[in-house]
Amino acid sequence: MRVEIESDGNILFVESEKPITVNEVLRKLEIQTSTVLVVYDGTIVPHTSLIESDIRLELVVVSSGG
């Protein structure tokens, strides 16, 4: 299965032979989970969600200031 991630106009991807969580995808891409929201079809997806088939997700960077 192929998980595509769109981030800042770039397409990143992870291949997996078994179901994988959003969290695991982000770790494989070396993206800090606390810095992004993951969106599918306009809906925010929890990082614990299990992906079981080809999918394309979008990352929204969360910024904070003080």
Protein backbone atom coordinates (compact mmCIF):
# COMPACT_ATOMS: atom_id res chain seq x y z
CA MET A 1 0.00 0.00 0.00
CA ARG A 2 1.14 3.54 -0.70
CA VAL A 3 0.53 6.46 1.64
CA GLU A 4 1.11 9.84 -0.01
CA ILE A 5 1.56 12.97 2.07
CA GLU A 6 1.21 16.43 0.56
CA SER A 7 3.21 19.04 2.43
CA ASP A 8 4.14 22.54 1.23
CA GLY A 9 3.52 21.57 -2.39
CA ASN A 10 5.71 18.47 -2.14
CA ILE A 11 4.52 14.87 -2.27
CA LEU A 12 6.18 12.45 0.15
CA PHE A 13 5.29 8.79 0.35
CA VAL A 14 5.64 5.67 2.46
CA GLU A 15 5.16 2.12 1.22
CA SER A 16 3.88 -0.50 3.65
CA GLU A 17 2.89 -4.13 3.21
CA LYS A 18 0.68 -4.09 6.32
CA PRO A 19 -1.70 -1.58 7.93
CA ILE A 20 0.11 1.41 9.41
CA THR A 21 -0.93 4.26 11.68
CA VAL A 22 -0.68 7.91 10.74
CA ASN A 23 1.82 8.26 13.59
CA GLU A 24 4.06 5.57 12.08
CA VAL A 25 3.91 7.26 8.67
CA LEU A 26 4.99 10.57 10.17
CA ARG A 27 7.85 8.90 12.06
CA LYS A 28 9.09 7.15 8.89
CA LEU A 29 9.14 10.56 7.18
CA GLU A 30 10.94 12.06 10.21
CA ILE A 31 8.13 14.57 10.80
CA GLN A 32 7.51 15.59 14.41
CA THR A 33 3.93 14.60 15.17
CA SER A 34 3.38 17.56 17.48
CA THR A 35 4.01 20.04 14.65
CA VAL A 36 1.36 18.93 12.14
CA LEU A 37 -2.30 18.16 11.64
CA VAL A 38 -3.14 15.43 9.15
CA VAL A 39 -6.12 16.06 6.87
CA TYR A 40 -8.08 13.71 4.62
CA ASP A 41 -10.87 15.04 2.42
CA GLY A 42 -11.17 18.20 4.52
CA THR A 43 -11.32 16.34 7.85
CA ILE A 44 -8.60 16.22 10.51
CA VAL A 45 -7.45 12.65 11.06
CA PRO A 46 -6.21 11.47 14.48
CA HIS A 47 -2.58 10.35 14.48
CA THR A 48 -3.75 7.00 15.90
CA SER A 49 -5.85 6.24 12.80
CA LEU A 50 -5.01 2.99 11.03
CA ILE A 51 -4.42 3.17 7.28
CA GLU A 52 -5.30 -0.03 5.44
CA SER A 53 -5.27 0.99 1.78
CA ASP A 54 -3.71 3.51 -0.63
CA ILE A 55 -4.45 7.05 0.49
CA ARG A 56 -3.33 10.64 0.00
CA LEU A 57 -3.20 12.89 3.05
CA GLU A 58 -2.39 16.55 3.52
CA LEU A 59 -0.24 18.04 6.28
CA VAL A 60 -1.06 21.35 7.91
CA VAL A 61 1.81 22.80 9.93
CA VAL A 62 0.79 24.02 13.36
CA SER A 63 2.65 27.09 14.53
CA SER A 64 2.70 28.46 18.02
CA GLY A 65 4.22 31.52 19.49
CA GLY A 66 4.66 33.14 22.78
